[in-house]
Amino acid sequence: MNPFVFPKHANSLVKKYLSQKVCKALEHQKTDSGFTLAKAINSGLKNPDSEIGIYAGDAQSYKTFSLIFDPVISEYHGLPENVKHKSDITAFDLPVLDPEGEYIQATRIRAARNLKGFNFPCHMSLSQRRELEKKFLSALGCLKGNLKGDYYSIELDEKKWGPRKSKNLGFQKGDRFQDAAGINSDFPKSRGVYHSFDKKLMVWVNEEDHLRIISLEETSDISSVYNRFCQAILALNQTLDFAWDKKLGNLTSCPTNIGTAMRAGVHIQLEKLEKKKDTLLKLIKAYNLQIRGTKGEKTRIQNAVFDISNRQRLGISETEIIKNLHAGLLAIIRAEKNL
C-alpha cells in the first residue's frame, strides 16, 4: 500500500508517476546525506496545486530516486528520458530588439547553481549554510571590473532594519511550496545578495539554490545582458566547483531548472496582443517560450506587461536559448505592430 496520500484534487507530476510499485521501490531508500523520498515529495503532498511536487535534497537524489525523477523530468521538459544535455556559454552579439523602448521594459537572465559536495537548500543544516556563505563571499570578492560590487547580508540587515531592506534587494522568504520543502529553514540566517556597483549583476546566496546569478538591464539589449551573464558564470567557474551531470546538466533543487538552469526573459508591454491572446499564445508555442505574470510566477498580467522567457532548459544550450528568445520576441513585436 502506498503510504503517501495525495489530496484527490492534486494534479502534480509526482502524484501522476508515484505508483505503488515505484513507491515500494523507493520509500526506504536514502542518499548518503540521509535525504528520503518522504522529504522529496512533502511539498507536493502539502500543496495540492503543485505542478511538479518534488525537490532534490542533494545531487545524489537524481540517481537514488531516478524512478520518480526521470519520468517527471521527461514530461516537464518534453524530452525523451535518454536525452543528454549540452552547454555553450559564449558571448556574442545580436541586434537590439526594441531600441526606442516602445515595448520591452527590461531584460533579465538568471541561472541557478549548487556547489558540488554540499546538500541542496531543502536538506541543509545551518552550519552548512554558514560554510557556504563564507565560500561564496570569497568567490564573489574575486569578481573584477564591471562585476565588482558589495555583499549585503539579509540576516544582519533584518536585525538592523527589519524585512524591508531585503525586499528592496529582491530576495524574500520562499513561498509555501518552498516552505513545505524545507528551503526556508533558518531564514534569514546566512542569506544575502551580492550587487555589482552598476546594479546590473546580482547574486542571491542560499535561496532556492545555493546561488542565483542574475544579469539585468532596463533595456532590450539581450546580448549585453547575456554577455555579462557569461562573464559572471565563467569567472565563478574559476573558483567554484558546481554540481553537474552529463545527462542532466546543472543540478538544481527543482527538476524544472536542471540543464542550463537558465531563464532568460523580458518584461514586455503588448497592449494589442493582450486583446488577441490566441495570436500571442501561438507565437509563444511556436518558439517554445512561456508567459508569467507581471510580477512573476502565479501573478496576474498588469497594464498589459508580460513576463516572457524560455521554457526549455534541458537538451538545449545557453546560446541556443538566447537566439531562440531573440527570434521569438522579434516575431511578437512584429505581430504587435501589425495589429
Foldseek 3Di string as FASTA:
>chain_A
DQPQDAPPLADALLVVQCDPVLCVQFQPDADPLGDGPCLQQQLCRVDSPDHHRGWFFALCSCVSSVSRLQVSLCVQQVHHSQAWFDADQDADFDDQQCQPLPWFFKKKKKFFFAFPPATWLLNDDLVSLVVLLVLVVVLQCPDDDQSHFDKDQCVVCCVVPNNPVVVVVVDDQDDSSCVSSNLRPPPPRSWIWTAGPVRQWIWTASHQGRIMIMGMDRGRGLSVSSNVVSVVVVSSVVRTHTDQDRGFGHDGGDSQQTRRSMKIWTWTAQPPVVVVVVVVVVLCVVLQKDWAANVGHPDHPDNRTITIIHRRRGSDYPVRRSVSRSVSVSVVVVVSVVD
